[in-house]
Structure formats: structure tokens, C-alpha cells
Protein backbone atom coordinates (compact mmCIF):
# COMPACT_ATOMS: atom_id res chain seq x y z
CA GLY A 1 43.42 -20.82 -105.16
CA GLY A 2 40.00 -19.25 -105.60
CA SER A 3 37.49 -18.66 -102.85
CA ILE A 4 34.48 -20.17 -101.11
CA LEU A 5 31.95 -18.05 -99.21
CA LEU A 6 29.25 -19.77 -97.16
CA GLU A 7 26.50 -17.70 -95.52
CA THR A 8 24.15 -19.64 -93.24
CA LEU A 9 22.23 -19.52 -89.96
CA SER A 10 24.23 -22.46 -88.59
CA PHE A 11 27.10 -24.55 -89.92
CA SER A 12 28.15 -28.17 -89.48
CA LEU A 13 30.03 -30.69 -91.60
CA ALA A 14 29.40 -34.36 -92.32
CA ASP A 15 32.31 -36.77 -91.83
CA THR A 16 32.86 -36.94 -95.61
CA ALA A 17 32.77 -33.16 -96.25
CA PHE A 18 35.74 -31.44 -97.88
CA LEU A 19 36.11 -27.77 -98.89
CA SER A 20 39.08 -26.86 -101.08
CA ALA A 21 40.55 -23.62 -102.43
CA LYS A 22 43.99 -25.12 -103.10
CA GLY A 23 46.53 -23.26 -105.21
CA GLY A 24 47.56 -24.70 -108.57
CA ASP A 25 50.88 -26.48 -109.02
CA SER A 26 53.66 -24.94 -111.09
CA SER A 27 54.25 -25.88 -114.71
CA ALA A 28 56.19 -29.13 -115.11
CA VAL A 29 57.94 -27.73 -118.17
CA VAL A 30 60.67 -25.18 -117.54
CA GLN A 31 61.69 -22.85 -120.29
CA THR A 32 64.59 -20.54 -119.64
CA LYS A 33 63.30 -17.32 -118.01
CA ASN A 34 59.65 -18.37 -118.54
CA ALA A 35 59.11 -20.83 -115.69
CA THR A 36 55.77 -20.53 -113.89
CA SER A 37 55.52 -20.60 -110.12
CA ALA A 38 52.75 -22.31 -108.19
CA GLY A 39 49.55 -20.51 -107.19
CA GLY A 40 48.77 -19.44 -103.66
CA GLY A 41 46.01 -21.04 -101.65
CA GLY A 42 42.62 -19.36 -101.70
CA ARG A 43 40.21 -18.14 -99.08
CA ILE A 44 37.34 -19.95 -97.36
CA ALA A 45 34.92 -17.89 -95.26
CA VAL A 46 32.01 -19.29 -93.25
CA TRP A 47 29.56 -16.60 -92.06
CA THR A 48 26.97 -17.64 -89.49
CA SER A 49 24.31 -15.65 -87.72
CA THR A 50 23.01 -17.08 -84.47
CA LYS A 51 21.38 -15.80 -81.31
CA PHE A 52 23.93 -15.03 -78.64
CA PHE A 53 23.85 -14.19 -74.94
CA TYR A 54 25.82 -10.98 -74.66
CA THR A 55 28.81 -10.61 -72.36
CA ASP A 56 31.22 -7.75 -71.76
CA ASP A 57 33.88 -9.20 -74.08
CA VAL A 58 31.69 -9.23 -77.23
CA ALA A 59 33.01 -6.95 -79.98
CA LYS A 60 31.11 -3.66 -80.30
CA ASP A 61 30.54 -4.20 -84.01
CA ARG A 62 28.83 -7.56 -83.31
CA ILE A 63 31.28 -9.52 -85.46
CA VAL A 64 33.27 -12.33 -83.88
CA THR A 65 35.98 -13.91 -86.07
CA SER A 66 38.20 -16.95 -85.70
CA SER A 67 40.79 -18.49 -87.99
CA VAL A 68 41.05 -21.59 -85.80
CA ILE A 69 39.59 -24.66 -87.49
CA PRO A 70 37.81 -26.86 -84.93
CA GLU A 71 39.79 -30.05 -84.33
CA ALA A 72 36.92 -32.25 -85.56
CA TRP A 73 37.08 -30.44 -88.95
CA ALA A 74 40.88 -30.24 -89.25
CA ASN A 75 41.12 -32.44 -92.37
CA MET A 76 38.02 -31.04 -94.09
CA PHE A 77 39.53 -27.76 -95.37
CA ASP A 78 42.37 -27.30 -97.88
CA VAL A 79 43.78 -23.85 -98.66
CA SER A 80 47.34 -25.05 -99.21
CA GLY A 81 49.57 -23.45 -101.80
CA GLY A 82 50.46 -25.24 -105.02
CA LYS A 83 53.63 -27.32 -105.29
CA ALA A 84 56.73 -26.35 -107.23
CA LEU A 85 57.09 -29.28 -109.63
CA VAL A 86 60.56 -28.22 -110.72
CA SER A 87 63.25 -26.51 -108.69
CA GLU A 88 64.83 -24.01 -111.09
CA ASN A 89 63.36 -20.47 -110.89
CA VAL A 90 60.06 -21.82 -109.53
CA TYR A 91 58.46 -21.20 -106.14
CA ALA A 92 55.77 -23.05 -104.21
CA GLY A 93 52.55 -21.17 -103.49
CA ARG A 94 51.79 -19.93 -99.99
CA ALA A 95 48.84 -21.17 -97.97
CA GLY A 96 45.53 -19.31 -98.02
CA THR A 97 43.15 -18.71 -95.10
CA VAL A 98 40.04 -20.16 -93.50
CA MET A 99 37.91 -17.74 -91.49
CA PHE A 100 34.82 -18.33 -89.39
CA VAL A 101 32.71 -15.21 -88.84
CA ASN A 102 29.75 -15.06 -86.48
CA LEU A 103 27.46 -12.07 -86.94
CA LEU A 104 25.77 -11.55 -83.60
CA SER A 105 22.15 -10.49 -83.34
CA PRO A 106 21.67 -6.93 -82.08
CA ARG A 107 20.33 -6.33 -78.58
CA GLY A 108 16.64 -5.78 -78.24
CA LEU A 109 13.80 -6.56 -80.60
CA THR A 110 14.48 -6.77 -84.33
CA PHE A 111 11.90 -6.75 -87.11
CA ILE A 112 12.77 -7.85 -90.63
CA ILE A 113 10.20 -6.84 -93.22
CA ARG A 114 10.46 -8.02 -96.81
């Protein structure tokens, strides 16, 4: 399925956006004992870094993760597994994952010098 890694300060999608790490379909030709199964779905990770007002439930390591795709973006990601094009000795691929990661700014004043 492959992978997509996006690192950005903020993230939004246009209505026509589509990100895919779909697994490949199985071979349509079956040879005895040499059939190929479908590929598994890949991984999509979206890392954002934004300012955040701290509360008691923020993770100590400043990383907040979610695998829940916002409803407005539900049809804009595809990490599905490949299809089994034949049924004998061939399996469909399993779905991959989409992960949203928010790296929180540390408390206090931060200087970045390059």
C-alpha cells in the first residue's frame, strides 16, 4: 500500500482532495501453488504543530494522536486493502491506517535559531 507522510503547521483539504495508499489487487492469473494474494493498505500520517492552550488531560510527551478521520474528510482517504481477483488460494489485503498527530508546543518561551 505504500505510505504518505505530511508534516505541516496546519492541515485542511479542498473538496476535491484525495490521498491514497491503497493495497494492490491480487494477480488475475492463478497458477497452481503460485497464486499471489492482494497487498495490504498503506499508512497515511498527518503531523501538525500548532499552538495549544494546555489543560490537565494533555499527554506529558506533548503528542496527541487520533485515528478518527473527521466526517467532512471521510471520503478523501483510501488505505483499503487490495481485492482478491480470484478465489482459489488468494486472500484480500487488509486495510491500512490513517493517523493524525498534533505535536504541541512546549510551555514557556521557545527560541528556534537556524
